[in-house]
Each structure stands twice: as C-alpha cells, then as structure tokens.
Amino acid sequence: MKGLFDTLINAFKVPDLRKKLLYTAFIMAIYMIGGLIPSPGINREAFTQLVQNWGQIGGLMDIISGGGLYAATIFAMGITPYINSSIIMQLLTVAIPALERMQKEGETGRKKIQRIVRFVTIGLALLQASVFCYATRSAMTDYLPRPLNAALIILTFTAGTAFIMWLGERINEKGIGNGISLIIFAGIVTRIPDMAKQLVIYAQDIYGKVNAYTLDNLERIRNRVLGFLAGGGLFIVVSLVSIAIIIFVIYVQNAERRVPVQYSKRVIGRKIYGGQNTYIPLKVNQSGVMPVIFTMSMIALPSTIVTMFFANSDNSFVNALRDPSEHWWYYAVNFLLIIGFTFFYSAIQFNPIEISNNLQKNGGYVPGVRPGRPTSDFIARTARRLNWADALFLSIVVLVPTLIGKFTGLPNVWFAGTSVLIMTGVANDLVKQIESQMVTHHYKGFLD
C-alpha cells in the first residue's frame, strides 16, 4: 500500500500525469452523478421489487451497474452491453479472416474494430432495454400512453449505456487507465457499503437466533460461537478472509514464468552486438478476469431468459434454470466453463509462433531448445501448463466464495471472488500504467 500511495504522490508531481489523473477523476465523478438520476416512466419501488425477484441474476446486474438497476436510474443497464459486444468481436475476430486482417492493421484497424463495437453495443443495448421493459412492464407509470412510455424507457436505458461507453472512451483518450475497467471498478466499489450493511443485518439476525436456543452443553457452545459472530466477530472473520483473498489474488496476478533467452553475439564493424541474457515473461494469470466474465455471461443467459419470461411457471426444469445455484451441476458447469474459456482466451491472445519468429530474427534462442518450430512448441507447452494453474486459480477464487455464501447464508458473498479479481486487476493495471508513463518522463526513484 505504501508503494501505491508513493506512486500516486509522485505522479502528481509530473504535470502531464497530474492532468490525466484529474481528468480521470472528473469523468468518474460524472459517472457517479449520472448513477443518481432516476429513469422517467418507471415506478421505482415496483421496479426494484421486480428486479430483486430475479434473484442472483438481478443482484449480479445491479452490482455491475453500481446499484443503478435496483435504483431504476438512467444507468440501470450499466456497461454490460459494451462488455458483451467486446466479447462477441473478440470471438468473431478469430472466426472471420477480414476482421483478423483488420486487427493486424495497427492503430487504423483498431479504430475500425472499435467503431464496429460501438454499433454492436447500441444494438445490444436496444435489445436488452426492450427485454427489461417487457419484463418489468407492470412497473410503468400511467402518466403517458403505454407504447410511448415503453419507448421512453427503452431509449433512456440505451442512451445511458451509450453515455457510459462514451465516458470510458474519454478516459482512454485523455485520462489514464482502461476507462471501461475503471467504470466497472467504480460500480463494484460503490456497492461495498451496501454489502457491509447487509452483513451487519445478517449478524443481527444471528444475534436474534441466539436467544431462541436452550442452554444445554452443545447449545451453550453454539451460543458462544454465534454470540462471538453477532458481537463483531463476523466482521473480523470476513475482513481477515477478504484480506487473505486479496493478497492471494495479487500474488498470482503478478506471478510469471520467466523463459530464459540468450542472444548470439554479432560483430558489425568494430562493435559487438548481442550476447546478453534476458527472458520472456509468461504471466500465470495471462487471461485476467475474462474467462470469468465469459462464464458468467454463458450461465446468466438462460437464467435471465427464464426469469424474465417464465417467472410464474412451476415447471421443475424452469425452476432449476431460474435459480441454478441450488443444484450441484451449476458448480460443475461453472468450473468446466472457466477452464475451457481460460484455454480459449489464451489461445486467441497468445501466439507462440510469432514469439519464436521474433526471437529467430533477432538472433535469440532458448538455451537447450533449437530455434524455429521446437522453440514455438516449447513456449506453447509452457503456456498450456500455466493455463492449468490459471484456470484452477480462477475457479478457486470464484467458486469458494459462492459455496461459502450458499452454506452460511451470507448475502452477496457469491460475487466476492469476481469483484476481488476485477478490483485488484484494475488497480494493478492502473499503477503499472502510471509507472510506465513516469518512466517516459525520466522520473527517478519512484520504484524505491
């Protein structure tokens, strides 16, 4: 923490960085204010009640939107359509050669793909807003004709998502850090006070149950444990576990496997070039939090459809899809999807053949491995081993809090692992960007 604050303090001493940090803070303030503006045409209490009936799906959407969904604000849908649009474009870039060529065009190609992402985001936002409006149609006000009121709500939700996307791009352009990631980060942070409040309510509920027990030997022991939890011990335990999880996540996110590289000596004129030893850093958590987001989207899709359109059905299959966390197969599917998406995302982001070719062109080689195809196979094999560690790491961080929440009844614990992954990942990325820009300004001593 001391290093983080020292980095921020030293960053404010650099005029360019100070402007970027203040601009980023200004944009985030606009986002926070926008999240307080209610959407027109909606009965807030009725809308909140309907969304809360969606269960874990509604809670997930509310957390990502920074509380805007339950509050029925103009930012009710949050940045979810943009995330889904980005995921779709990443998948299509692998499948469609034209998009793959566009991606390799450098900055020009990146701008073209980003333009497509914007249009897809607006389309998905219109679709999601229409579904939201239909699913919560009983919460509409009667001040306007129903068709006009529905159009107003759909356009408001869509415009809110578009504005959030615009804010994120402004941060990317003139601020510092990844704008969309910072917005998701802010949405999660703003929900922490509410989560703490629910934890206090849960502790008070435990305290109320203490007085209902008889005082035989076993119940006396149980009462002491429950009394400890109700008297503040629960907060202490949760805080210690949270700190341990954060430390563990940061350690793994910064961990890397260093593949040694030796460069051959070359004599050009009277000078000798090369001959130095270096390494290729392969991150253990190379895929970041994307496999978790992919998995959440895949699992949430059928649950969302069933919850919104078959809310009154008594069919056992529909009930299983409505609240899958009550069934063992939910955790098995979650685990398998995280592993699958970890390998998939690594495959589309990491190219061992390109690394091997670059090494060979620059006269580099991995000691004990022949240049060319053997080097690319060695790097790919090493990356696959790291993918297993990455997948198990993500599975543990995501599923363990979910299981703890299920067995203890603690509210919103199921999202703790994912939120920690997002928050630590965004914070790490922000600090690294600040430090890299400080290096370009020749600022000395900031890493001491």
Protein backbone atom coordinates (compact mmCIF):
# COMPACT_ATOMS: atom_id res chain seq x y z
CA MET A 1 0.00 0.00 0.00
CA LYS A 2 2.87 2.36 0.78
CA GLY A 3 4.26 1.80 -2.71
CA LEU A 4 0.86 2.54 -4.24
CA PHE A 5 0.44 5.83 -2.39
CA ASP A 6 4.05 6.80 -3.12
CA THR A 7 3.44 6.17 -6.82
CA LEU A 8 0.30 8.34 -6.81
CA ILE A 9 2.01 11.13 -4.87
CA ASN A 10 4.99 11.12 -7.23
CA ALA A 11 2.65 11.01 -10.24
CA PHE A 12 1.02 14.27 -9.12
CA LYS A 13 4.45 15.91 -9.28
CA VAL A 14 4.51 15.34 -13.06
CA PRO A 15 2.28 17.97 -14.77
CA ASP A 16 1.08 15.73 -17.63
CA LEU A 17 0.24 12.85 -15.32
CA ARG A 18 -1.50 15.19 -12.89
CA LYS A 19 -3.77 16.43 -15.68
CA LYS A 20 -4.61 12.88 -16.73
CA LEU A 21 -5.36 11.78 -13.19
CA LEU A 22 -7.57 14.80 -12.51
CA TYR A 23 -9.37 14.32 -15.83
CA THR A 24 -9.99 10.64 -14.99
CA ALA A 25 -11.34 11.62 -11.56
CA PHE A 26 -13.61 14.21 -13.22
CA ILE A 27 -15.06 11.63 -15.64
CA MET A 28 -15.62 9.17 -12.79
CA ALA A 29 -17.43 11.91 -10.84
CA ILE A 30 -19.76 12.47 -13.81
CA TYR A 31 -20.45 8.72 -13.88
CA MET A 32 -21.26 8.68 -10.16
CA ILE A 33 -23.62 11.67 -10.50
CA GLY A 34 -25.34 10.11 -13.52
CA GLY A 35 -25.97 6.99 -11.47
CA LEU A 36 -28.23 9.05 -9.17
CA ILE A 37 -30.59 10.34 -11.89
CA PRO A 38 -33.85 8.31 -11.95
CA SER A 39 -35.21 7.00 -15.21
CA PRO A 40 -38.52 8.55 -16.32
CA GLY A 41 -41.66 6.50 -16.76
CA ILE A 42 -40.87 3.94 -14.02
CA ASN A 43 -42.35 3.34 -10.59
CA ARG A 44 -39.10 2.89 -8.69
CA GLU A 45 -40.45 0.78 -5.81
CA ALA A 46 -42.31 -1.61 -8.11
CA PHE A 47 -39.35 -1.87 -10.50
CA THR A 48 -36.94 -2.62 -7.64
CA GLN A 49 -39.23 -5.32 -6.28
CA LEU A 50 -39.49 -7.00 -9.69
CA VAL A 51 -35.72 -6.96 -10.28
CA GLN A 52 -34.99 -8.28 -6.79
CA ASN A 53 -37.25 -11.24 -7.59
CA TRP A 54 -34.79 -12.20 -10.33
CA GLY A 55 -32.53 -13.47 -7.54
CA GLN A 56 -28.81 -13.82 -8.14
CA ILE A 57 -29.10 -12.64 -11.76
CA GLY A 58 -30.67 -9.36 -10.68
CA GLY A 59 -28.04 -8.95 -7.94
CA LEU A 60 -25.24 -9.51 -10.45
CA MET A 61 -26.64 -6.91 -12.86
CA ASP A 62 -27.14 -4.43 -10.03
CA ILE A 63 -23.57 -4.80 -8.77
CA ILE A 64 -22.08 -4.34 -12.25
CA SER A 65 -24.26 -1.26 -12.80
CA GLY A 66 -23.11 0.23 -9.49
CA GLY A 67 -26.56 -0.02 -7.92
CA GLY A 68 -28.25 1.66 -10.88
CA LEU A 69 -30.53 -1.29 -11.65
CA TYR A 70 -32.24 -1.57 -8.27
CA ALA A 71 -32.49 2.22 -8.13
CA ALA A 72 -34.01 2.39 -11.67
CA THR A 73 -31.60 5.13 -12.81
CA ILE A 74 -30.63 6.10 -16.35
CA PHE A 75 -27.54 3.87 -15.91
CA ALA A 76 -29.65 0.82 -14.96
CA MET A 77 -28.07 -1.44 -17.60
CA GLY A 78 -24.55 -0.28 -16.82
CA ILE A 79 -21.78 -1.20 -19.23
CA THR A 80 -22.95 -4.80 -19.76
CA PRO A 81 -23.92 -4.36 -23.46
CA TYR A 82 -20.44 -2.98 -24.20
CA ILE A 83 -18.78 -5.92 -22.46
CA ASN A 84 -20.91 -8.39 -24.43
CA SER A 85 -20.14 -6.51 -27.64
CA SER A 86 -16.40 -6.67 -26.96
CA ILE A 87 -16.63 -10.41 -26.25
CA ILE A 88 -18.55 -11.01 -29.49
CA MET A 89 -16.00 -9.04 -31.52
CA GLN A 90 -13.10 -10.97 -29.96
CA LEU A 91 -14.74 -14.24 -30.93
CA LEU A 92 -15.56 -13.02 -34.44
CA THR A 93 -12.01 -11.74 -34.94
CA VAL A 94 -10.79 -15.33 -34.62
CA ALA A 95 -13.53 -16.75 -36.86
CA ILE A 96 -13.69 -14.10 -39.63
CA PRO A 97 -10.46 -13.54 -41.65
CA ALA A 98 -11.47 -9.99 -42.66
CA LEU A 99 -11.68 -8.92 -39.02
CA GLU A 100 -8.39 -10.68 -38.26
CA ARG A 101 -6.68 -8.75 -41.08
CA MET A 102 -8.26 -5.56 -39.80
CA GLN A 103 -6.87 -6.25 -36.33
CA LYS A 104 -3.35 -6.58 -37.78
CA GLU A 105 -3.54 -3.14 -39.45
CA GLY A 106 -2.32 -1.44 -36.29
CA GLU A 107 -3.97 1.72 -34.99
CA THR A 108 -6.13 2.15 -38.10
CA GLY A 109 -7.54 -1.36 -37.82
CA ARG A 110 -8.11 -0.95 -34.08
CA LYS A 111 -10.20 2.18 -34.70
CA LYS A 112 -12.29 0.36 -37.31
CA ILE A 113 -12.98 -2.53 -34.95
CA GLN A 114 -13.80 -0.11 -32.14
CA ARG A 115 -16.33 1.60 -34.40
CA ILE A 116 -17.99 -1.75 -35.07
CA VAL A 117 -18.01 -2.47 -31.31
CA ARG A 118 -19.89 0.80 -30.74
CA PHE A 119 -22.63 -0.07 -33.23
CA VAL A 120 -22.97 -3.60 -31.83
CA THR A 121 -23.16 -2.10 -28.32
CA ILE A 122 -26.07 0.16 -29.31
CA GLY A 123 -27.87 -2.79 -30.91
CA LEU A 124 -27.41 -4.99 -27.85
CA ALA A 125 -28.42 -2.11 -25.57
CA LEU A 126 -31.68 -1.62 -27.50
CA LEU A 127 -32.37 -5.35 -27.31
CA GLN A 128 -31.58 -5.60 -23.59
CA ALA A 129 -33.54 -2.44 -22.79
CA SER A 130 -36.55 -3.84 -24.67
CA VAL A 131 -36.34 -7.08 -22.69
CA PHE A 132 -36.02 -5.14 -19.42
CA CYS A 133 -39.02 -3.00 -20.33
CA TYR A 134 -41.15 -6.03 -21.20
CA ALA A 135 -40.13 -7.98 -18.09
CA THR A 136 -40.93 -5.01 -15.80
CA ARG A 137 -43.92 -3.65 -17.72
CA SER A 138 -46.09 -3.72 -14.59
CA ALA A 139 -43.77 -1.09 -13.04
CA MET A 140 -44.54 1.52 -15.71
CA THR A 141 -46.24 4.74 -14.64
CA ASP A 142 -49.57 5.87 -16.10
CA TYR A 143 -48.61 9.43 -16.95
CA LEU A 144 -48.05 8.60 -20.63
CA PRO A 145 -49.66 6.13 -23.04
CA ARG A 146 -48.08 2.69 -22.56
CA PRO A 147 -46.38 2.47 -26.02
CA LEU A 148 -44.91 5.97 -25.63
CA ASN A 149 -43.82 5.20 -22.06
CA ALA A 150 -42.13 1.96 -23.20
CA ALA A 151 -40.28 3.81 -25.97
CA LEU A 152 -39.14 6.45 -23.44
CA ILE A 153 -37.78 3.79 -21.05
CA ILE A 154 -36.01 1.86 -23.82
CA LEU A 155 -34.37 4.99 -25.24
CA THR A 156 -33.37 6.19 -21.75
CA PHE A 157 -31.68 2.91 -20.84
CA THR A 158 -29.95 2.73 -24.24
CA ALA A 159 -28.78 6.34 -24.02
CA GLY A 160 -27.44 5.68 -20.52
CA THR A 161 -25.32 2.77 -21.76
CA ALA A 162 -24.11 4.80 -24.74
CA PHE A 163 -23.12 7.66 -22.44
CA ILE A 164 -21.20 5.31 -20.13
CA MET A 165 -19.38 3.92 -23.18
CA TRP A 166 -18.53 7.48 -24.23
CA LEU A 167 -17.19 8.27 -20.75
CA GLY A 168 -14.97 5.18 -20.86
CA GLU A 169 -13.55 6.17 -24.24
CA ARG A 170 -12.82 9.67 -22.98
CA ILE A 171 -10.73 8.16 -20.19
CA ASN A 172 -8.86 6.03 -22.73
CA GLU A 173 -8.21 9.09 -24.88
CA LYS A 174 -7.35 11.82 -22.38
CA GLY A 175 -7.12 10.12 -18.99
CA ILE A 176 -5.14 7.20 -17.65
CA GLY A 177 -6.11 3.56 -17.26
CA ASN A 178 -8.71 1.49 -19.08
CA GLY A 179 -11.93 3.50 -18.99
CA ILE A 180 -14.40 0.62 -19.09
CA SER A 181 -12.47 -1.31 -16.44
CA LEU A 182 -12.42 1.75 -14.18
CA ILE A 183 -16.19 2.16 -14.58
CA ILE A 184 -16.76 -1.48 -13.61
CA PHE A 185 -14.34 -0.95 -10.72
CA ALA A 186 -16.30 2.09 -9.55
CA GLY A 187 -19.57 0.18 -9.81
CA ILE A 188 -18.27 -2.56 -7.54
CA VAL A 189 -16.71 -0.13 -5.03
CA THR A 190 -19.95 1.82 -4.68
CA ARG A 191 -21.73 -1.39 -3.67
CA ILE A 192 -19.33 -2.15 -0.80
CA PRO A 193 -21.22 0.00 1.79
CA ASP A 194 -24.49 -1.78 0.96
CA MET A 195 -22.78 -5.15 1.23
CA ALA A 196 -21.35 -4.16 4.63
CA LYS A 197 -24.83 -3.06 5.73
CA GLN A 198 -26.29 -6.42 4.71
CA LEU A 199 -23.50 -8.12 6.66
CA VAL A 200 -24.49 -6.18 9.79
CA ILE A 201 -28.13 -7.16 9.27
CA TYR A 202 -27.06 -10.79 8.93
CA ALA A 203 -25.06 -10.54 12.19
CA GLN A 204 -28.08 -9.05 13.97
CA ASP A 205 -30.20 -11.92 12.68
CA ILE A 206 -27.70 -14.37 14.16
CA TYR A 207 -27.87 -12.49 17.46
CA GLY A 208 -31.65 -12.82 17.42
CA LYS A 209 -31.38 -16.57 16.95
CA VAL A 210 -29.01 -16.91 19.93
CA ASN A 211 -31.74 -16.14 22.43
CA ALA A 212 -34.01 -18.80 20.95
CA TYR A 213 -31.70 -21.71 21.87
CA THR A 214 -31.86 -23.73 25.07
CA LEU A 215 -28.75 -23.85 27.21
CA ASP A 216 -27.62 -27.47 27.25
CA ASN A 217 -23.93 -28.25 26.72
CA LEU A 218 -23.96 -28.38 22.92
CA GLU A 219 -26.25 -25.39 22.61
CA ARG A 220 -24.07 -23.40 25.04
CA ILE A 221 -21.06 -23.92 22.77
CA ARG A 222 -23.12 -22.98 19.75
CA ASN A 223 -24.40 -19.88 21.52
CA ARG A 224 -20.88 -18.75 22.32
CA VAL A 225 -19.86 -19.10 18.67
CA LEU A 226 -22.97 -17.31 17.46
CA GLY A 227 -22.57 -14.67 20.14
CA PHE A 228 -19.00 -14.07 19.02
CA LEU A 229 -20.14 -13.70 15.42
CA ALA A 230 -23.02 -11.42 16.35
CA GLY A 231 -20.83 -9.28 18.60
CA GLY A 232 -18.46 -8.22 15.83
CA GLY A 233 -16.56 -11.45 15.31
CA LEU A 234 -18.29 -11.98 11.97
CA PHE A 235 -16.93 -8.66 10.71
CA ILE A 236 -13.42 -9.58 11.92
CA VAL A 237 -13.54 -13.03 10.30
CA VAL A 238 -14.87 -11.70 7.00
CA SER A 239 -12.27 -8.90 6.99
CA LEU A 240 -9.37 -11.29 7.62
CA VAL A 241 -10.58 -13.70 4.93
CA SER A 242 -11.04 -10.82 2.49
CA ILE A 243 -7.51 -9.55 3.12
CA ALA A 244 -6.11 -13.05 2.65
CA ILE A 245 -8.00 -13.44 -0.66
CA ILE A 246 -6.79 -10.05 -1.90
CA ILE A 247 -3.16 -10.89 -1.08
CA PHE A 248 -3.50 -14.28 -2.77
CA VAL A 249 -5.08 -12.76 -5.91
CA ILE A 250 -2.45 -10.01 -6.21
CA TYR A 251 0.36 -12.55 -5.76
CA VAL A 252 -0.95 -14.78 -8.54
CA GLN A 253 -1.78 -11.88 -10.86
CA ASN A 254 1.81 -10.62 -10.59
CA ALA A 255 3.39 -14.08 -10.79
CA GLU A 256 5.17 -15.04 -14.02
CA ARG A 257 7.19 -17.85 -15.53
CA ARG A 258 10.41 -16.47 -16.98
CA VAL A 259 11.67 -18.37 -20.01
CA PRO A 260 15.43 -17.66 -20.38
CA VAL A 261 16.64 -16.26 -23.72
CA GLN A 262 20.23 -15.95 -24.99
CA TYR A 263 21.16 -13.63 -27.87
CA SER A 264 24.09 -14.50 -30.13
CA LYS A 265 27.00 -12.09 -30.49
CA ARG A 266 27.26 -10.22 -33.77
CA VAL A 267 30.26 -8.21 -34.93
CA ILE A 268 29.35 -5.15 -37.00
CA GLY A 269 32.40 -3.08 -37.88
CA ARG A 270 34.34 -2.59 -34.69
CA LYS A 271 31.39 -3.12 -32.38
CA ILE A 272 29.95 -6.30 -30.89
CA TYR A 273 26.18 -6.52 -30.56
CA GLY A 274 24.06 -9.08 -28.67
CA GLY A 275 25.39 -11.70 -26.32
CA GLN A 276 23.18 -10.65 -23.39
CA ASN A 277 20.86 -12.85 -21.37
CA THR A 278 17.21 -11.96 -20.94
CA TYR A 279 13.89 -13.75 -20.54
CA ILE A 280 10.33 -13.98 -21.87
CA PRO A 281 7.83 -13.24 -19.05
CA LEU A 282 4.80 -15.55 -19.27
CA LYS A 283 2.17 -14.42 -16.76
CA VAL A 284 0.39 -17.09 -14.74
CA ASN A 285 -2.90 -15.14 -14.87
CA GLN A 286 -2.47 -14.35 -18.56
CA SER A 287 -6.20 -14.33 -19.32
CA GLY A 288 -7.06 -11.96 -16.47
CA VAL A 289 -10.71 -11.99 -15.45
CA MET A 290 -12.10 -12.53 -18.98
CA PRO A 291 -12.78 -16.30 -18.56
CA VAL A 292 -14.88 -15.48 -15.50
CA ILE A 293 -16.84 -12.81 -17.40
CA PHE A 294 -17.37 -15.24 -20.31
CA THR A 295 -18.60 -17.91 -17.88
CA MET A 296 -20.93 -15.51 -16.08
CA SER A 297 -22.44 -14.43 -19.42
CA MET A 298 -22.98 -18.02 -20.58
CA ILE A 299 -24.59 -19.15 -17.33
CA ALA A 300 -26.62 -15.97 -16.85
CA LEU A 301 -28.20 -16.07 -20.34
CA PRO A 302 -30.64 -18.98 -19.82
CA SER A 303 -31.36 -17.86 -16.25
CA THR A 304 -32.14 -14.33 -17.42
CA ILE A 305 -34.49 -15.53 -20.18
CA VAL A 306 -36.33 -17.91 -17.87
CA THR A 307 -36.57 -15.38 -15.04
CA MET A 308 -37.93 -12.62 -17.25
CA PHE A 309 -40.38 -14.58 -19.39
CA PHE A 310 -41.35 -17.59 -17.24
CA ALA A 311 -41.45 -16.03 -13.79
CA ASN A 312 -44.77 -17.68 -12.85
CA SER A 313 -44.01 -21.16 -14.17
CA ASP A 314 -43.98 -24.13 -11.78
CA ASN A 315 -42.08 -26.45 -14.12
CA SER A 316 -39.15 -28.14 -12.33
CA PHE A 317 -36.78 -27.60 -15.27
CA VAL A 318 -37.70 -23.92 -15.46
CA ASN A 319 -37.21 -23.55 -11.70
CA ALA A 320 -33.78 -25.19 -11.98
CA LEU A 321 -32.75 -22.69 -14.66
CA ARG A 322 -34.25 -19.79 -12.72
CA ASP A 323 -32.03 -20.41 -9.69
CA PRO A 324 -29.25 -22.81 -10.79
CA SER A 325 -27.12 -22.15 -7.69
CA GLU A 326 -29.35 -24.57 -5.77
CA HIS A 327 -28.12 -27.52 -7.86
CA TRP A 328 -24.74 -29.28 -7.93
CA TRP A 329 -24.48 -29.16 -11.72
CA TYR A 330 -24.29 -25.36 -11.57
CA TYR A 331 -20.90 -25.51 -9.86
CA ALA A 332 -19.64 -28.29 -12.15
CA VAL A 333 -20.64 -26.34 -15.28
CA ASN A 334 -19.11 -23.18 -13.82
CA PHE A 335 -15.84 -24.98 -13.16
CA LEU A 336 -15.68 -26.56 -16.62
CA LEU A 337 -16.55 -23.31 -18.40
CA ILE A 338 -13.86 -21.37 -16.54
CA ILE A 339 -11.26 -23.97 -17.57
CA GLY A 340 -12.46 -24.02 -21.17
CA PHE A 341 -12.58 -20.24 -21.55
CA THR A 342 -9.15 -19.86 -19.92
CA PHE A 343 -7.57 -22.03 -22.60
CA PHE A 344 -9.69 -20.42 -25.33
CA TYR A 345 -8.86 -16.84 -24.37
CA SER A 346 -5.17 -17.70 -24.02
CA ALA A 347 -5.21 -19.28 -27.48
CA ILE A 348 -6.60 -16.14 -29.16
CA GLN A 349 -4.36 -13.74 -27.22
CA PHE A 350 -1.06 -15.62 -27.09
CA ASN A 351 0.88 -16.58 -30.25
CA PRO A 352 3.98 -18.71 -29.55
CA ILE A 353 4.84 -18.94 -33.28
CA GLU A 354 5.14 -15.14 -33.51
CA ILE A 355 7.35 -15.06 -30.41
CA SER A 356 9.57 -17.80 -31.84
CA ASN A 357 9.90 -15.99 -35.19
CA ASN A 358 10.81 -12.71 -33.50
CA LEU A 359 13.47 -14.46 -31.43
CA GLN A 360 14.96 -16.10 -34.51
CA LYS A 361 15.01 -12.83 -36.47
CA ASN A 362 16.90 -11.09 -33.67
CA GLY A 363 19.38 -13.91 -33.12
CA GLY A 364 17.83 -15.11 -29.87
CA TYR A 365 17.22 -18.65 -28.69
CA VAL A 366 16.08 -20.54 -25.62
CA PRO A 367 19.05 -22.45 -24.14
CA GLY A 368 18.72 -26.17 -24.83
CA VAL A 369 15.95 -25.69 -27.43
CA ARG A 370 16.51 -25.46 -31.18
CA PRO A 371 15.26 -22.28 -32.93
CA GLY A 372 12.10 -22.37 -35.06
CA ARG A 373 9.36 -24.95 -34.56
CA PRO A 374 10.91 -26.57 -31.43
CA THR A 375 11.04 -23.16 -29.72
CA SER A 376 7.38 -22.37 -30.51
CA ASP A 377 6.36 -25.84 -29.27
CA PHE A 378 8.33 -25.33 -26.06
CA ILE A 379 6.74 -21.92 -25.42
CA ALA A 380 3.26 -23.28 -26.23
CA ARG A 381 3.77 -26.25 -23.90
CA THR A 382 4.92 -23.94 -21.10
CA ALA A 383 1.91 -21.66 -21.66
CA ARG A 384 -0.50 -24.60 -21.51
CA ARG A 385 0.90 -25.65 -18.15
CA LEU A 386 0.42 -22.12 -16.87
CA ASN A 387 -3.14 -22.17 -18.22
CA TRP A 388 -3.97 -25.07 -15.91
CA ALA A 389 -2.67 -23.08 -12.94
CA ASP A 390 -4.58 -20.01 -14.13
CA ALA A 391 -7.83 -21.96 -14.58
CA LEU A 392 -7.59 -23.58 -11.15
CA PHE A 393 -6.77 -20.20 -9.59
CA LEU A 394 -9.82 -18.54 -11.18
CA SER A 395 -12.05 -21.48 -10.24
CA ILE A 396 -10.97 -21.33 -6.60
CA VAL A 397 -11.40 -17.57 -6.30
CA VAL A 398 -14.84 -17.64 -7.94
CA LEU A 399 -16.38 -20.84 -6.57
CA VAL A 400 -15.13 -20.86 -2.97
CA PRO A 401 -16.95 -17.61 -2.00
CA THR A 402 -20.04 -18.90 -3.85
CA LEU A 403 -20.03 -22.11 -1.80
CA ILE A 404 -19.38 -20.19 1.42
CA GLY A 405 -22.35 -17.94 0.70
CA LYS A 406 -24.56 -20.95 -0.03
CA PHE A 407 -23.73 -22.83 3.18
CA THR A 408 -23.62 -19.82 5.53
CA GLY A 409 -26.36 -17.67 4.04
CA LEU A 410 -24.10 -14.61 3.92
CA PRO A 411 -25.55 -12.12 1.39
CA ASN A 412 -23.64 -11.23 -1.81
CA VAL A 413 -20.63 -13.39 -0.87
CA TRP A 414 -21.08 -15.24 -4.17
CA PHE A 415 -19.72 -12.17 -6.02
CA ALA A 416 -16.78 -11.57 -3.67
CA GLY A 417 -14.21 -13.56 -5.67
CA THR A 418 -15.11 -11.99 -9.00
CA SER A 419 -15.16 -8.49 -7.52
CA VAL A 420 -11.73 -9.00 -5.95
CA LEU A 421 -10.36 -10.21 -9.31
CA ILE A 422 -11.73 -7.14 -11.07
CA MET A 423 -10.68 -4.61 -8.43
CA THR A 424 -7.13 -5.92 -7.99
CA GLY A 425 -6.68 -6.35 -11.74
CA VAL A 426 -7.81 -2.79 -12.48
CA ALA A 427 -5.72 -1.35 -9.63
CA ASN A 428 -2.63 -3.27 -10.79
CA ASP A 429 -3.11 -2.13 -14.38
CA LEU A 430 -3.61 1.49 -13.31
CA VAL A 431 -0.45 1.53 -11.19
CA LYS A 432 1.59 -0.08 -13.98
CA GLN A 433 0.35 2.49 -16.50
CA ILE A 434 1.23 5.33 -14.13
CA GLU A 435 4.71 3.91 -13.53
CA SER A 436 5.35 3.32 -17.24
CA GLN A 437 4.41 6.91 -18.03
CA MET A 438 6.61 8.14 -15.21
CA VAL A 439 9.48 6.23 -16.79
CA THR A 440 8.91 8.11 -20.05
CA HIS A 441 9.20 11.36 -18.11
CA HIS A 442 12.55 10.18 -16.68
CA TYR A 443 11.23 10.36 -13.14
CA LYS A 444 13.81 8.74 -10.87
CA GLY A 445 13.33 6.97 -7.60
CA PHE A 446 9.60 6.22 -7.80
CA LEU A 447 10.18 2.48 -7.51
CA ASP A 448 12.29 2.75 -4.35
